Amino acid sequence: MNESDSVVLAELKKMNRLLALVAVGERKQGEQISILSKAGFLPKEIAELIGTTSNTVRVALSVLRKASKKNSRGIGKE
């Protein structure tokens, strides 16, 4: 990779981060984490974007997964 490729890649990363921040806007932290995770961001990247720790992101993702499983088991059962 040459220097101009590195510059282009760095600019693309900045644009990606900006678009991600616009996408999550002023939503609650859990919603931000969910959206960014679904968009393919890693916990460390999500943490940097929203200003928290990667551990907080991992815990939130775990809680979201558990809630999703619980909701999917309850659907259609009466």
PDB file of N, CA and C in Angstrom:
ATOM      1  N   MET A   1       0.852  -1.172   0.000  1.00  0.00           N
ATOM      2  CA  MET A   1       0.000   0.000   0.000  1.00  0.00           C
ATOM      3  C   MET A   1       0.898   1.235   0.000  1.00  0.00           C
ATOM      4  N   ASN A   2       0.620   2.142  -0.923  1.00  0.00           N
ATOM      5  CA  ASN A   2       1.441   3.354  -0.980  1.00  0.00           C
ATOM      6  C   ASN A   2       0.828   4.452  -0.111  1.00  0.00           C
ATOM      7  N   GLU A   3       1.515   5.587  -0.076  1.00  0.00           N
ATOM      8  CA  GLU A   3       1.092   6.679   0.806  1.00  0.00           C
ATOM      9  C   GLU A   3      -0.282   7.224   0.440  1.00  0.00           C
ATOM     10  N   SER A   4      -0.572   7.342  -0.851  1.00  0.00           N
ATOM     11  CA  SER A   4      -1.882   7.887  -1.228  1.00  0.00           C
ATOM     12  C   SER A   4      -3.003   6.916  -0.881  1.00  0.00           C
ATOM     13  N   ASP A   5      -2.737   5.600  -0.974  1.00  0.00           N
ATOM     14  CA  ASP A   5      -3.729   4.615  -0.540  1.00  0.00           C
ATOM     15  C   ASP A   5      -4.004   4.747   0.953  1.00  0.00           C
ATOM     16  N   SER A   6      -2.968   4.985   1.722  1.00  0.00           N
ATOM     17  CA  SER A   6      -3.121   5.142   3.173  1.00  0.00           C
ATOM     18  C   SER A   6      -3.957   6.366   3.506  1.00  0.00           C
ATOM     19  N   VAL A   7      -3.742   7.450   2.780  1.00  0.00           N
ATOM     20  CA  VAL A   7      -4.505   8.680   3.005  1.00  0.00           C
ATOM     21  C   VAL A   7      -5.976   8.447   2.667  1.00  0.00           C
ATOM     22  N   VAL A   8      -6.229   7.793   1.540  1.00  0.00           N
ATOM     23  CA  VAL A   8      -7.607   7.509   1.125  1.00  0.00           C
ATOM     24  C   VAL A   8      -8.289   6.614   2.153  1.00  0.00           C
ATOM     25  N   LEU A   9      -7.590   5.584   2.612  1.00  0.00           N
ATOM     26  CA  LEU A   9      -8.152   4.675   3.605  1.00  0.00           C
ATOM     27  C   LEU A   9      -8.475   5.409   4.910  1.00  0.00           C
ATOM     28  N   ALA A  10      -7.585   6.296   5.336  1.00  0.00           N
ATOM     29  CA  ALA A  10      -7.818   7.065   6.558  1.00  0.00           C
ATOM     30  C   ALA A  10      -9.044   7.964   6.396  1.00  0.00           C
ATOM     31  N   GLU A  11      -9.209   8.577   5.243  1.00  0.00           N
ATOM     32  CA  GLU A  11     -10.370   9.433   4.992  1.00  0.00           C
ATOM     33  C   GLU A  11     -11.656   8.616   4.951  1.00  0.00           C
ATOM     34  N   LEU A  12     -11.601   7.430   4.351  1.00  0.00           N
ATOM     35  CA  LEU A  12     -12.779   6.561   4.324  1.00  0.00           C
ATOM     36  C   LEU A  12     -13.186   6.144   5.730  1.00  0.00           C
ATOM     37  N   LYS A  13     -12.203   5.858   6.573  1.00  0.00           N
ATOM     38  CA  LYS A  13     -12.499   5.494   7.958  1.00  0.00           C
ATOM     39  C   LYS A  13     -13.172   6.652   8.689  1.00  0.00           C
ATOM     40  N   LYS A  14     -12.699   7.876   8.445  1.00  0.00           N
ATOM     41  CA  LYS A  14     -13.320   9.048   9.066  1.00  0.00           C
ATOM     42  C   LYS A  14     -14.766   9.195   8.612  1.00  0.00           C
ATOM     43  N   MET A  15     -15.000   9.027   7.320  1.00  0.00           N
ATOM     44  CA  MET A  15     -16.353   9.143   6.779  1.00  0.00           C
ATOM     45  C   MET A  15     -17.263   8.069   7.377  1.00  0.00           C
ATOM     46  N   ASN A  16     -16.744   6.862   7.507  1.00  0.00           N
ATOM     47  CA  ASN A  16     -17.511   5.760   8.078  1.00  0.00           C
ATOM     48  C   ASN A  16     -17.907   6.074   9.520  1.00  0.00           C
ATOM     49  N   ARG A  17     -16.980   6.614  10.284  1.00  0.00           N
ATOM     50  CA  ARG A  17     -17.256   6.978  11.672  1.00  0.00           C
ATOM     51  C   ARG A  17     -18.316   8.081  11.740  1.00  0.00           C
ATOM     52  N   LEU A  18     -18.182   9.069  10.866  1.00  0.00           N
ATOM     53  CA  LEU A  18     -19.140  10.173  10.844  1.00  0.00           C
ATOM     54  C   LEU A  18     -20.542   9.670  10.501  1.00  0.00           C
ATOM     55  N   LEU A  19     -20.651   8.832   9.492  1.00  0.00           N
ATOM     56  CA  LEU A  19     -21.948   8.276   9.119  1.00  0.00           C
ATOM     57  C   LEU A  19     -22.549   7.454  10.255  1.00  0.00           C
ATOM     58  N   ALA A  20     -21.713   6.715  10.951  1.00  0.00           N
ATOM     59  CA  ALA A  20     -22.189   5.915  12.083  1.00  0.00           C
ATOM     60  C   ALA A  20     -22.742   6.812  13.185  1.00  0.00           C
ATOM     61  N   LEU A  21     -22.049   7.900  13.469  1.00  0.00           N
ATOM     62  CA  LEU A  21     -22.518   8.819  14.507  1.00  0.00           C
ATOM     63  C   LEU A  21     -23.828   9.495  14.113  1.00  0.00           C
ATOM     64  N   VAL A  22     -23.962   9.826  12.854  1.00  0.00           N
ATOM     65  CA  VAL A  22     -25.209  10.422  12.379  1.00  0.00           C
ATOM     66  C   VAL A  22     -26.347   9.407  12.494  1.00  0.00           C
ATOM     67  N   ALA A  23     -26.048   8.157  12.179  1.00  0.00           N
ATOM     68  CA  ALA A  23     -27.073   7.103  12.215  1.00  0.00           C
ATOM     69  C   ALA A  23     -27.628   6.881  13.615  1.00  0.00           C
ATOM     70  N   VAL A  24     -26.784   6.995  14.628  1.00  0.00           N
ATOM     71  CA  VAL A  24     -27.258   6.729  15.990  1.00  0.00           C
ATOM     72  C   VAL A  24     -27.775   7.972  16.681  1.00  0.00           C
ATOM     73  N   GLY A  25     -27.385   9.132  16.204  1.00  0.00           N
ATOM     74  CA  GLY A  25     -27.901  10.397  16.725  1.00  0.00           C
ATOM     75  C   GLY A  25     -27.952  10.488  18.232  1.00  0.00           C
ATOM     76  N   GLU A  26     -29.075  10.950  18.730  1.00  0.00           N
ATOM     77  CA  GLU A  26     -29.266  11.176  20.170  1.00  0.00           C
ATOM     78  C   GLU A  26     -30.032  10.032  20.825  1.00  0.00           C
ATOM     79  N   ARG A  27     -29.888   8.851  20.300  1.00  0.00           N
ATOM     80  CA  ARG A  27     -30.588   7.687  20.857  1.00  0.00           C
ATOM     81  C   ARG A  27     -29.961   7.270  22.187  1.00  0.00           C
ATOM     82  N   LYS A  28     -30.675   6.422  22.900  1.00  0.00           N
ATOM     83  CA  LYS A  28     -30.139   5.881  24.148  1.00  0.00           C
ATOM     84  C   LYS A  28     -28.943   4.997  23.835  1.00  0.00           C
ATOM     85  N   GLN A  29     -28.063   4.839  24.807  1.00  0.00           N
ATOM     86  CA  GLN A  29     -26.821   4.107  24.614  1.00  0.00           C
ATOM     87  C   GLN A  29     -27.052   2.689  24.107  1.00  0.00           C
ATOM     88  N   GLY A  30     -28.022   1.982  24.670  1.00  0.00           N
ATOM     89  CA  GLY A  30     -28.289   0.611  24.243  1.00  0.00           C
ATOM     90  C   GLY A  30     -28.685   0.536  22.776  1.00  0.00           C
ATOM     91  N   GLU A  31     -29.489   1.496  22.341  1.00  0.00           N
ATOM     92  CA  GLU A  31     -29.900   1.543  20.931  1.00  0.00           C
ATOM     93  C   GLU A  31     -28.704   1.854  20.035  1.00  0.00           C
ATOM     94  N   GLN A  32     -27.845   2.772  20.478  1.00  0.00           N
ATOM     95  CA  GLN A  32     -26.647   3.109  19.713  1.00  0.00           C
ATOM     96  C   GLN A  32     -25.772   1.869  19.523  1.00  0.00           C
ATOM     97  N   ILE A  33     -25.583   1.144  20.614  1.00  0.00           N
ATOM     98  CA  ILE A  33     -24.741  -0.052  20.575  1.00  0.00           C
ATOM     99  C   ILE A  33     -25.346  -1.086  19.638  1.00  0.00           C
ATOM    100  N   SER A  34     -26.641  -1.282  19.722  1.00  0.00           N
ATOM    101  CA  SER A  34     -27.311  -2.249  18.869  1.00  0.00           C
ATOM    102  C   SER A  34     -27.155  -1.886  17.391  1.00  0.00           C
ATOM    103  N   ILE A  35     -27.421  -0.643  17.053  1.00  0.00           N
ATOM    104  CA  ILE A  35     -27.331  -0.189  15.662  1.00  0.00           C
ATOM    105  C   ILE A  35     -25.908  -0.341  15.131  1.00  0.00           C
ATOM    106  N   LEU A  36     -24.943   0.105  15.904  1.00  0.00           N
ATOM    107  CA  LEU A  36     -23.554   0.050  15.444  1.00  0.00           C
ATOM    108  C   LEU A  36     -23.052  -1.383  15.329  1.00  0.00           C
ATOM    109  N   SER A  37     -23.492  -2.241  16.228  1.00  0.00           N
ATOM    110  CA  SER A  37     -23.114  -3.648  16.154  1.00  0.00           C
ATOM    111  C   SER A  37     -23.678  -4.287  14.895  1.00  0.00           C
ATOM    112  N   LYS A  38     -24.951  -4.000  14.617  1.00  0.00           N
ATOM    113  CA  LYS A  38     -25.590  -4.537  13.410  1.00  0.00           C
ATOM    114  C   LYS A  38     -24.925  -4.006  12.146  1.00  0.00           C
ATOM    115  N   ALA A  39     -24.309  -2.823  12.239  1.00  0.00           N
ATOM    116  CA  ALA A  39     -23.613  -2.231  11.097  1.00  0.00           C
ATOM    117  C   ALA A  39     -22.209  -2.811  10.928  1.00  0.00           C
ATOM    118  N   GLY A  40     -21.814  -3.686  11.856  1.00  0.00           N
ATOM    119  CA  GLY A  40     -20.527  -4.360  11.711  1.00  0.00           C
ATOM    120  C   GLY A  40     -19.370  -3.790  12.512  1.00  0.00           C
ATOM    121  N   PHE A  41     -19.655  -2.824  13.379  1.00  0.00           N
ATOM    122  CA  PHE A  41     -18.591  -2.271  14.208  1.00  0.00           C
ATOM    123  C   PHE A  41     -18.264  -3.231  15.349  1.00  0.00           C
ATOM    124  N   LEU A  42     -17.000  -3.316  15.695  1.00  0.00           N
ATOM    125  CA  LEU A  42     -16.538  -4.135  16.812  1.00  0.00           C
ATOM    126  C   LEU A  42     -16.780  -3.386  18.124  1.00  0.00           C
ATOM    127  N   PRO A  43     -16.867  -4.117  19.256  1.00  0.00           N
ATOM    128  CA  PRO A  43     -17.091  -3.438  20.541  1.00  0.00           C
ATOM    129  C   PRO A  43     -16.116  -2.297  20.821  1.00  0.00           C
ATOM    130  N   LYS A  44     -14.853  -2.488  20.501  1.00  0.00           N
ATOM    131  CA  LYS A  44     -13.858  -1.434  20.742  1.00  0.00           C
ATOM    132  C   LYS A  44     -14.169  -0.191  19.901  1.00  0.00           C
ATOM    133  N   GLU A  45     -14.566  -0.410  18.658  1.00  0.00           N
ATOM    134  CA  GLU A  45     -14.894   0.712  17.774  1.00  0.00           C
ATOM    135  C   GLU A  45     -16.152   1.431  18.249  1.00  0.00           C
ATOM    136  N   ILE A  46     -17.143   0.656  18.684  1.00  0.00           N
ATOM    137  CA  ILE A  46     -18.381   1.242  19.196  1.00  0.00           C
ATOM    138  C   ILE A  46     -18.073   2.097  20.419  1.00  0.00           C
ATOM    139  N   ALA A  47     -17.263   1.559  21.311  1.00  0.00           N
ATOM    140  CA  ALA A  47     -16.910   2.279  22.532  1.00  0.00           C
ATOM    141  C   ALA A  47     -16.253   3.619  22.201  1.00  0.00           C
ATOM    142  N   GLU A  48     -15.344   3.618  21.244  1.00  0.00           N
ATOM    143  CA  GLU A  48     -14.671   4.856  20.855  1.00  0.00           C
ATOM    144  C   GLU A  48     -15.665   5.855  20.262  1.00  0.00           C
ATOM    145  N   LEU A  49     -16.596   5.352  19.462  1.00  0.00           N
ATOM    146  CA  LEU A  49     -17.563   6.233  18.810  1.00  0.00           C
ATOM    147  C   LEU A  49     -18.511   6.898  19.800  1.00  0.00           C
ATOM    148  N   ILE A  50     -18.983   6.146  20.788  1.00  0.00           N
ATOM    149  CA  ILE A  50     -20.004   6.700  21.687  1.00  0.00           C
ATOM    150  C   ILE A  50     -19.439   7.156  23.032  1.00  0.00           C
ATOM    151  N   GLY A  51     -18.135   7.005  23.219  1.00  0.00           N
ATOM    152  CA  GLY A  51     -17.500   7.530  24.422  1.00  0.00           C
ATOM    153  C   GLY A  51     -17.717   6.694  25.670  1.00  0.00           C
ATOM    154  N   THR A  52     -17.551   5.393  25.536  1.00  0.00           N
ATOM    155  CA  THR A  52     -17.668   4.508  26.686  1.00  0.00           C
ATOM    156  C   THR A  52     -16.552   3.467  26.597  1.00  0.00           C
ATOM    157  N   THR A  53     -16.596   2.456  27.454  1.00  0.00           N
ATOM    158  CA  THR A  53     -15.558   1.420  27.426  1.00  0.00           C
ATOM    159  C   THR A  53     -16.024   0.232  26.596  1.00  0.00           C
ATOM    160  N   SER A  54     -15.070  -0.519  26.090  1.00  0.00           N
ATOM    161  CA  SER A  54     -15.424  -1.705  25.308  1.00  0.00           C
ATOM    162  C   SER A  54     -16.105  -2.742  26.191  1.00  0.00           C
ATOM    163  N   ASN A  55     -15.778  -2.768  27.478  1.00  0.00           N
ATOM    164  CA  ASN A  55     -16.440  -3.692  28.394  1.00  0.00           C
ATOM    165  C   ASN A  55     -17.927  -3.342  28.530  1.00  0.00           C
ATOM    166  N   THR A  56     -18.235  -2.070  28.630  1.00  0.00           N
ATOM    167  CA  THR A  56     -19.635  -1.635  28.701  1.00  0.00           C
ATOM    168  C   THR A  56     -20.387  -2.079  27.453  1.00  0.00           C
ATOM    169  N   VAL A  57     -19.745  -1.956  26.304  1.00  0.00           N
ATOM    170  CA  VAL A  57     -20.374  -2.361  25.042  1.00  0.00           C
ATOM    171  C   VAL A  57     -20.612  -3.866  25.034  1.00  0.00           C
ATOM    172  N   ARG A  58     -19.616  -4.642  25.458  1.00  0.00           N
ATOM    173  CA  ARG A  58     -19.769  -6.104  25.477  1.00  0.00           C
ATOM    174  C   ARG A  58     -20.915  -6.529  26.395  1.00  0.00           C
ATOM    175  N   VAL A  59     -21.002  -5.904  27.555  1.00  0.00           N
ATOM    176  CA  VAL A  59     -22.082  -6.237  28.491  1.00  0.00           C
ATOM    177  C   VAL A  59     -23.434  -5.876  27.872  1.00  0.00           C
ATOM    178  N   ALA A  60     -23.528  -4.704  27.270  1.00  0.00           N
ATOM    179  CA  ALA A  60     -24.792  -4.287  26.646  1.00  0.00           C
ATOM    180  C   ALA A  60     -25.183  -5.248  25.526  1.00  0.00           C
ATOM    181  N   LEU A  61     -24.218  -5.695  24.720  1.00  0.00           N
ATOM    182  CA  LEU A  61     -24.511  -6.641  23.646  1.00  0.00           C
ATOM    183  C   LEU A  61     -24.990  -7.973  24.213  1.00  0.00           C
ATOM    184  N   SER A  62     -24.402  -8.398  25.318  1.00  0.00           N
ATOM    185  CA  SER A  62     -24.833  -9.634  25.963  1.00  0.00           C
ATOM    186  C   SER A  62     -26.271  -9.518  26.462  1.00  0.00           C
ATOM    187  N   VAL A  63     -26.586  -8.399  27.082  1.00  0.00           N
ATOM    188  CA  VAL A  63     -27.945  -8.161  27.577  1.00  0.00           C
ATOM    189  C   VAL A  63     -28.926  -8.131  26.405  1.00  0.00           C
ATOM    190  N   LEU A  64     -28.541  -7.483  25.311  1.00  0.00           N
ATOM    191  CA  LEU A  64     -29.413  -7.417  24.135  1.00  0.00           C
ATOM    192  C   LEU A  64     -29.651  -8.804  23.540  1.00  0.00           C
ATOM    193  N   ARG A  65     -28.603  -9.628  23.489  1.00  0.00           N
ATOM    194  CA  ARG A  65     -28.749 -10.990  22.961  1.00  0.00           C
ATOM    195  C   ARG A  65     -29.688 -11.814  23.838  1.00  0.00           C
ATOM    196  N   LYS A  66     -29.517 -11.710  25.159  1.00  0.00           N
ATOM    197  CA  LYS A  66     -30.377 -12.453  26.079  1.00  0.00           C
ATOM    198  C   LYS A  66     -31.833 -12.008  25.949  1.00  0.00           C
ATOM    199  N   ALA A  67     -32.046 -10.705  25.829  1.00  0.00           N
ATOM    200  CA  ALA A  67     -33.416 -10.185  25.686  1.00  0.00           C
ATOM    201  C   ALA A  67     -34.016 -10.655  24.365  1.00  0.00           C
ATOM    202  N   SER A  68     -33.215 -10.691  23.331  1.00  0.00           N
ATOM    203  CA  SER A  68     -33.685 -11.139  22.023  1.00  0.00           C
ATOM    204  C   SER A  68     -34.092 -12.606  22.058  1.00  0.00           C
ATOM    205  N   LYS A  69     -33.278 -13.432  22.714  1.00  0.00           N
ATOM    206  CA  LYS A  69     -33.598 -14.850  22.844  1.00  0.00           C
ATOM    207  C   LYS A  69     -34.876 -15.044  23.647  1.00  0.00           C
ATOM    208  N   LYS A  70     -35.000 -14.284  24.732  1.00  0.00           N
ATOM    209  CA  LYS A  70     -36.189 -14.404  25.587  1.00  0.00           C
ATOM    210  C   LYS A  70     -37.432 -13.994  24.815  1.00  0.00           C
ATOM    211  N   ASN A  71     -37.345 -12.923  24.037  1.00  0.00           N
ATOM    212  CA  ASN A  71     -38.495 -12.465  23.247  1.00  0.00           C
ATOM    213  C   ASN A  71     -38.850 -13.457  22.142  1.00  0.00           C
ATOM    214  N   SER A  72     -37.856 -14.050  21.523  1.00  0.00           N
ATOM    215  CA  SER A  72     -38.138 -14.976  20.432  1.00  0.00           C
ATOM    216  C   SER A  72     -38.772 -16.268  20.944  1.00  0.00           C
ATOM    217  N   ARG A  73     -38.445 -16.666  22.162  1.00  0.00           N
ATOM    218  CA  ARG A  73     -39.064 -17.862  22.751  1.00  0.00           C
ATOM    219  C   ARG A  73     -40.501 -17.609  23.154  1.00  0.00           C
ATOM    220  N   GLY A  74     -40.825 -16.367  23.486  1.00  0.00           N
ATOM    221  CA  GLY A  74     -42.172 -16.035  23.952  1.00  0.00           C
ATOM    222  C   GLY A  74     -43.169 -15.771  22.842  1.00  0.00           C
ATOM    223  N   ILE A  75     -42.706 -15.574  21.632  1.00  0.00           N
ATOM    224  CA  ILE A  75     -43.586 -15.255  20.508  1.00  0.00           C
ATOM    225  C   ILE A  75     -44.396 -16.493  20.117  1.00  0.00           C
ATOM    226  N   GLY A  76     -45.699 -16.310  19.989  1.00  0.00           N
ATOM    227  CA  GLY A  76     -46.564 -17.390  19.540  1.00  0.00           C
ATOM    228  C   GLY A  76     -46.983 -18.355  20.622  1.00  0.00           C
ATOM    229  N   LYS A  77     -46.529 -18.148  21.850  1.00  0.00           N
ATOM    230  CA  LYS A  77     -46.910 -19.050  22.953  1.00  0.00           C
ATOM    231  C   LYS A  77     -47.967 -18.352  23.797  1.00  0.00           C
ATOM    232  N   GLU A  78     -49.070 -18.991  23.915  1.00  0.00           N
ATOM    233  CA  GLU A  78     -50.143 -18.429  24.747  1.00  0.00           C
ATOM    234  C   GLU A  78     -50.708 -19.488  25.630  1.00  0.00           C
TER     235      GLU A  78
END
